[in-house]
Protein backbone atom coordinates (compact mmCIF):
# COMPACT_ATOMS: atom_id res chain seq x y z
CA MET A 1 8.20 17.49 -9.78
CA LEU A 2 6.94 19.13 -6.61
CA ILE A 3 9.18 17.98 -3.75
CA ASN A 4 9.98 19.99 -0.64
CA GLU A 5 13.64 19.03 -0.34
CA GLN A 6 13.92 20.47 3.18
CA ALA A 7 11.44 17.89 4.45
CA SER A 8 12.08 14.94 2.11
CA VAL A 9 14.65 12.18 1.79
CA PHE A 10 14.37 12.56 -1.98
CA CYS A 11 16.25 15.04 -4.13
CA ILE A 12 14.92 16.77 -7.25
CA ASP A 13 18.34 16.63 -8.88
CA ASP A 14 18.36 12.82 -8.67
CA LEU A 15 15.03 12.74 -10.46
CA VAL A 16 16.15 15.21 -13.11
CA ARG A 17 19.23 13.09 -13.77
CA GLU A 18 17.02 9.97 -13.65
CA GLN A 19 18.97 8.40 -10.82
CA ASP A 20 17.38 5.42 -9.07
CA THR A 21 15.11 6.46 -6.22
CA PHE A 22 12.57 3.96 -4.88
CA PHE A 23 12.05 1.96 -8.06
CA PRO A 24 15.06 1.01 -10.21
CA LEU A 25 15.05 2.82 -13.54
CA SER A 26 17.09 0.22 -15.40
CA GLN A 27 15.12 -1.84 -17.89
CA GLU A 28 14.38 -5.50 -17.22
CA THR A 29 16.15 -7.99 -19.43
CA PRO A 30 13.82 -10.13 -21.57
CA VAL A 31 14.74 -13.22 -19.50
CA LYS A 32 13.86 -11.50 -16.21
CA HIS A 33 10.62 -10.19 -17.67
CA VAL A 34 9.50 -13.64 -18.85
CA ALA A 35 10.56 -15.26 -15.57
CA ARG A 36 8.66 -12.70 -13.52
CA ARG A 37 5.52 -13.28 -15.58
CA LEU A 38 5.72 -17.08 -15.48
CA LEU A 39 6.74 -17.69 -11.87
CA PRO A 40 3.83 -17.93 -9.42
CA GLU A 41 3.44 -15.19 -6.81
CA ILE A 42 3.70 -16.08 -3.13
CA THR A 43 1.38 -13.22 -2.17
CA ALA A 44 -2.41 -13.21 -2.44
CA ASN A 45 -4.38 -10.02 -1.88
CA VAL A 46 -7.80 -11.46 -1.16
CA ARG A 47 -9.69 -8.19 -0.66
CA ALA A 48 -8.29 -5.50 -2.97
CA LYS A 49 -10.68 -5.86 -5.93
CA ARG A 50 -13.75 -5.98 -3.71
CA ASN A 51 -12.53 -3.02 -1.67
CA TYR A 52 -11.79 -0.96 -4.77
CA ARG A 53 -15.29 -1.63 -6.10
CA GLU A 54 -16.68 -0.32 -2.80
CA PHE A 55 -14.30 2.65 -2.90
CA ALA A 56 -15.41 3.47 -6.44
CA ARG A 57 -19.07 3.29 -5.40
CA LEU A 58 -18.51 5.60 -2.42
CA VAL A 59 -16.40 8.12 -4.32
CA GLY A 60 -18.62 8.03 -7.40
CA SER A 61 -21.66 8.88 -5.30
CA ARG A 62 -19.99 12.10 -4.13
CA ALA A 63 -19.19 13.82 -7.38
CA SER A 64 -18.98 13.33 -11.13
CA PRO A 65 -16.27 13.35 -12.13
CA ALA A 66 -14.71 12.35 -8.81
CA LEU A 67 -11.07 13.33 -8.28
CA VAL A 68 -8.94 10.65 -6.62
CA LEU A 69 -5.33 11.07 -5.51
CA VAL A 70 -3.19 7.93 -5.75
CA ILE A 71 -0.09 8.07 -3.55
CA GLY A 72 2.57 5.65 -4.74
CA GLY A 73 0.82 5.35 -8.07
CA GLY A 74 3.82 4.92 -10.35
CA VAL A 75 2.61 1.40 -11.07
CA LEU A 76 -0.92 0.06 -11.01
CA GLY A 77 -1.81 -1.30 -7.58
CA LYS A 78 -3.14 -4.80 -6.96
CA GLY A 79 -6.84 -5.02 -7.72
CA MET A 80 -7.24 -1.46 -9.02
CA GLU A 81 -8.79 -2.49 -12.32
CA PRO A 82 -12.36 -1.65 -11.13
CA LEU A 83 -11.30 1.99 -10.74
CA LEU A 84 -9.92 2.18 -14.28
CA ALA A 85 -13.26 0.95 -15.57
CA GLN A 86 -15.10 3.91 -13.99
CA PRO A 87 -15.34 6.84 -16.46
CA GLY A 88 -16.62 9.10 -13.66
CA ILE A 89 -13.39 8.81 -11.65
CA GLU A 90 -10.24 10.76 -12.53
CA LEU A 91 -7.02 9.41 -11.00
CA VAL A 92 -4.14 11.74 -10.15
CA GLU A 93 -1.29 9.24 -9.86
CA THR A 94 1.73 10.47 -7.89
CA ASP A 95 4.95 8.87 -6.73
CA VAL A 96 8.49 9.67 -5.59
CA SER A 97 9.86 7.71 -8.55
CA TRP A 98 9.40 7.66 -12.28
CA GLY A 99 6.99 4.93 -13.30
CA PRO A 100 4.75 4.00 -16.22
CA ARG A 101 1.73 5.69 -14.55
CA THR A 102 3.43 8.59 -12.72
CA ARG A 103 1.77 11.92 -13.52
CA LEU A 104 3.31 13.95 -10.73
CA ILE A 105 6.43 13.50 -8.61
CA CYS A 106 5.74 14.46 -5.00
CA ASP A 107 6.36 13.32 -1.43
CA ALA A 108 3.36 12.29 0.69
CA HIS A 109 4.80 14.20 3.66
CA ASP A 110 3.99 17.43 1.77
CA ILE A 111 1.19 16.84 -0.73
CA PRO A 112 1.24 19.82 -3.13
CA PHE A 113 -2.50 20.39 -3.30
CA ALA A 114 -4.86 22.75 -1.53
CA ASP A 115 -7.06 21.73 1.39
CA GLY A 116 -10.17 19.81 0.38
CA THR A 117 -9.10 19.07 -3.20
CA PHE A 118 -9.94 15.37 -3.54
CA ASP A 119 -13.01 13.17 -3.22
CA GLY A 120 -10.82 10.16 -2.45
CA VAL A 121 -7.23 9.18 -1.66
CA ILE A 122 -5.52 5.81 -2.14
CA ALA A 123 -2.26 4.72 -0.48
CA GLN A 124 -1.73 1.04 -1.21
CA ALA A 125 1.50 -0.50 0.14
CA VAL A 126 2.95 2.97 0.70
CA LEU A 127 2.87 3.98 4.36
CA GLU A 128 5.52 1.46 5.39
CA HIS A 129 7.90 3.27 3.04
CA VAL A 130 7.55 6.79 4.48
CA VAL A 131 9.61 8.04 7.41
CA ASP A 132 6.61 9.62 9.17
CA PRO A 133 3.32 7.86 8.35
CA TYR A 134 1.39 10.01 10.84
CA ARG A 135 2.37 13.17 9.01
CA CYS A 136 1.41 11.58 5.69
CA VAL A 137 -2.02 10.61 7.02
CA ASP A 138 -2.49 14.16 8.31
CA GLU A 139 -1.75 15.35 4.77
CA ILE A 140 -4.28 12.86 3.37
CA HIS A 141 -6.85 14.20 5.81
CA ARG A 142 -6.05 17.78 4.79
CA VAL A 143 -6.41 17.33 1.03
CA LEU A 144 -9.64 15.34 1.28
CA LYS A 145 -12.97 17.09 0.98
CA ASP A 146 -15.37 16.85 3.91
CA CYS A 147 -16.47 13.21 4.25
CA GLY A 148 -13.94 12.24 1.55
CA VAL A 149 -12.95 8.59 1.34
CA VAL A 150 -9.54 7.00 1.97
CA TYR A 151 -8.35 3.48 1.13
CA THR A 152 -5.04 2.13 2.33
CA GLU A 153 -3.19 -1.16 2.67
CA THR A 154 -0.20 -1.51 4.99
CA PRO A 155 1.89 -4.58 5.89
CA PHE A 156 1.98 -6.19 9.31
CA MET A 157 3.86 -9.52 9.16
CA GLN A 158 6.20 -8.83 6.25
CA GLN A 159 9.95 -8.69 5.91
CA VAL A 160 11.82 -5.70 4.50
CA HIS A 161 10.91 -5.26 0.84
CA GLY A 162 11.97 -1.72 0.00
CA GLY A 163 15.60 -1.76 1.05
CA ARG A 164 16.54 1.49 2.74
CA TYR A 165 13.03 2.86 2.09
CA ASP A 166 11.17 0.49 4.42
CA PHE A 167 10.45 1.76 7.95
CA THR A 168 7.23 0.75 9.70
CA ARG A 169 4.72 -2.04 10.38
CA PHE A 170 1.25 -1.83 11.96
CA THR A 171 -1.03 -4.22 13.80
CA HIS A 172 -4.74 -3.96 13.08
CA LEU A 173 -5.31 -1.60 16.01
CA GLY A 174 -2.11 0.30 15.22
CA HIS A 175 -3.37 0.79 11.70
CA ARG A 176 -6.73 1.98 13.05
CA ARG A 177 -5.03 4.50 15.32
CA LEU A 178 -3.03 5.81 12.37
CA PHE A 179 -6.40 6.72 10.83
CA ARG A 180 -7.97 7.88 14.10
CA ARG A 181 -9.29 11.06 12.42
CA PHE A 182 -11.36 8.95 10.03
CA GLU A 183 -14.64 7.12 10.49
CA GLU A 184 -14.17 3.44 9.71
CA ILE A 185 -16.26 1.95 6.92
CA ASN A 186 -14.42 -1.36 6.80
CA SER A 187 -11.07 -2.84 7.78
CA GLY A 188 -9.42 -6.22 7.97
CA VAL A 189 -7.02 -8.65 6.34
CA ALA A 190 -5.77 -7.95 2.82
CA CYS A 191 -3.02 -10.61 2.73
CA GLY A 192 -3.39 -13.34 5.33
CA PRO A 193 -1.31 -15.75 7.42
CA GLY A 194 -0.59 -18.00 4.44
CA THR A 195 1.17 -15.16 2.67
CA ALA A 196 2.98 -14.25 5.91
CA LEU A 197 4.23 -17.84 6.24
CA ALA A 198 5.43 -17.92 2.63
CA TRP A 199 7.37 -14.66 3.12
CA SER A 200 8.92 -15.98 6.34
CA HIS A 201 10.09 -19.20 4.67
CA LEU A 202 11.54 -17.31 1.71
CA TYR A 203 13.37 -14.73 3.82
CA PHE A 204 14.70 -17.42 6.16
CA PHE A 205 16.63 -18.93 3.25
CA LEU A 206 17.56 -15.52 1.86
CA SER A 207 19.24 -14.79 5.21
CA PHE A 208 21.99 -17.27 4.30
CA ALA A 209 22.92 -15.52 1.06
CA ARG A 210 24.44 -12.17 0.13
CA TRP A 211 25.66 -13.00 -3.38
CA GLN A 212 22.96 -11.70 -5.74
CA PRO A 213 22.90 -14.64 -8.19
CA LEU A 214 22.33 -17.00 -5.25
CA ARG A 215 19.60 -14.76 -3.85
CA THR A 216 17.92 -14.76 -7.25
CA LEU A 217 18.03 -18.57 -7.35
CA ILE A 218 16.53 -18.75 -3.84
CA ARG A 219 13.71 -16.42 -4.88
CA VAL A 220 12.95 -18.56 -7.94
CA ILE A 221 12.91 -21.79 -5.92
CA GLY A 222 10.87 -20.09 -3.21
CA ARG A 223 8.20 -18.93 -5.62
CA LEU A 224 7.99 -22.41 -7.16
CA THR A 225 7.70 -24.20 -3.81
CA LEU A 226 5.85 -21.78 -1.51
CA PHE A 227 3.15 -20.26 -3.74
CA TYR A 228 0.49 -22.72 -2.57
CA LEU A 229 0.51 -21.26 0.96
CA LYS A 230 -1.25 -18.10 -0.22
CA TYR A 231 -4.39 -20.07 -1.07
CA PHE A 232 -5.04 -20.65 2.64
CA ASP A 233 -5.72 -16.91 2.86
CA TYR A 234 -8.97 -17.20 0.93
CA TYR A 235 -10.26 -19.29 3.84
CA LEU A 236 -8.43 -17.63 6.73
CA ALA A 237 -8.89 -13.95 5.90
CA ARG A 238 -12.30 -13.72 7.59
CA LYS A 239 -11.16 -15.54 10.75
CA PRO A 240 -10.65 -13.29 13.82
CA ALA A 241 -7.29 -14.91 14.59
CA ALA A 242 -6.02 -13.95 11.12
CA LEU A 243 -5.92 -10.30 12.22
CA ASP A 244 -3.14 -11.24 14.64
CA ALA A 245 -1.09 -13.05 11.98
CA ALA A 246 -1.87 -11.25 8.73
CA SER A 247 0.74 -10.29 6.19
CA GLY A 248 -1.10 -7.08 5.34
CA LEU A 249 -4.15 -5.09 6.48
CA TYR A 250 -6.55 -2.65 4.83
CA PHE A 251 -8.58 0.33 6.00
CA LEU A 252 -11.49 2.00 4.20
CA GLY A 253 -12.68 5.14 5.91
CA ARG A 254 -14.32 8.53 5.66
CA LYS A 255 -12.82 11.85 6.74
CA SER A 256 -14.15 12.95 10.10
CA SER A 257 -13.91 16.07 12.24
CA GLN A 258 -13.51 13.92 15.36
CA ALA A 259 -10.55 11.78 16.44
CA LEU A 260 -11.04 8.28 17.82
CA PRO A 261 -10.05 8.30 21.54
CA ASP A 262 -7.47 5.70 22.57
CA ARG A 263 -9.82 4.30 25.22
CA GLU A 264 -12.31 3.58 22.46
CA LEU A 265 -9.56 2.25 20.21
CA VAL A 266 -8.62 -0.63 22.52
CA LYS A 267 -12.26 -1.74 22.64
CA LEU A 268 -12.12 -2.35 18.90
CA TYR A 269 -9.72 -5.32 19.16
CA ARG A 270 -11.17 -8.10 17.01
CA GLY A 271 -8.43 -10.72 17.24
CA VAL A 272 -8.24 -13.71 19.55
CA GLY A 273 -5.31 -12.71 21.77
């Protein structure tokens, strides 16, 4: 556990005593486990597997074995299976919570590794949960080797999903500016407007309820009745207008010594407006 408590919202003592931090430590009941497995998801990540295959190709061409830091890696991210199938890639999975895949407890605001340690860094569905995403991206830049590769996914049109640990959303250009010290390889929609619409419907009805059993019932009904909306994303994700209405966005980039100027940034708008 390598946490700088002076600069983190997390406390080492809570982790030692196995108090709940980001992820609840209490075990799922068998009923909840079966229900979670059987109920359809309302979210579709239409790009993750393809992007991870490209990430693996880029990182694998740099070194063997390639060392990849996973921030928020307590659980396996969506679509990460292609990385696990690559024997030439070693994952260092970190998180601020105990999890089945956590190898190291640390805070992304102060990554406890030397400059230029990693060939690649992954931060999937993480940067919305940190208090200062710009500082975290600076840390990612620091620990990457020259021309190292970063892959990240961050929500845009999504409701709060991490309780008190949910802080920020980014448009496509906002996300690009966050990674202004990286050369873009690819970016776009990870979860599209269909997913965004499903989340909005679900959270509209959740707004009426505070009693947890009722909220659980609403979530169950929502997943049974709204799951079909995500399938629109397989068609819409490549549409320019989807960038303006996406549930989540991705960025695949390479560490650069130059920062993207803001005047150049605004020329990169690819939506419809």
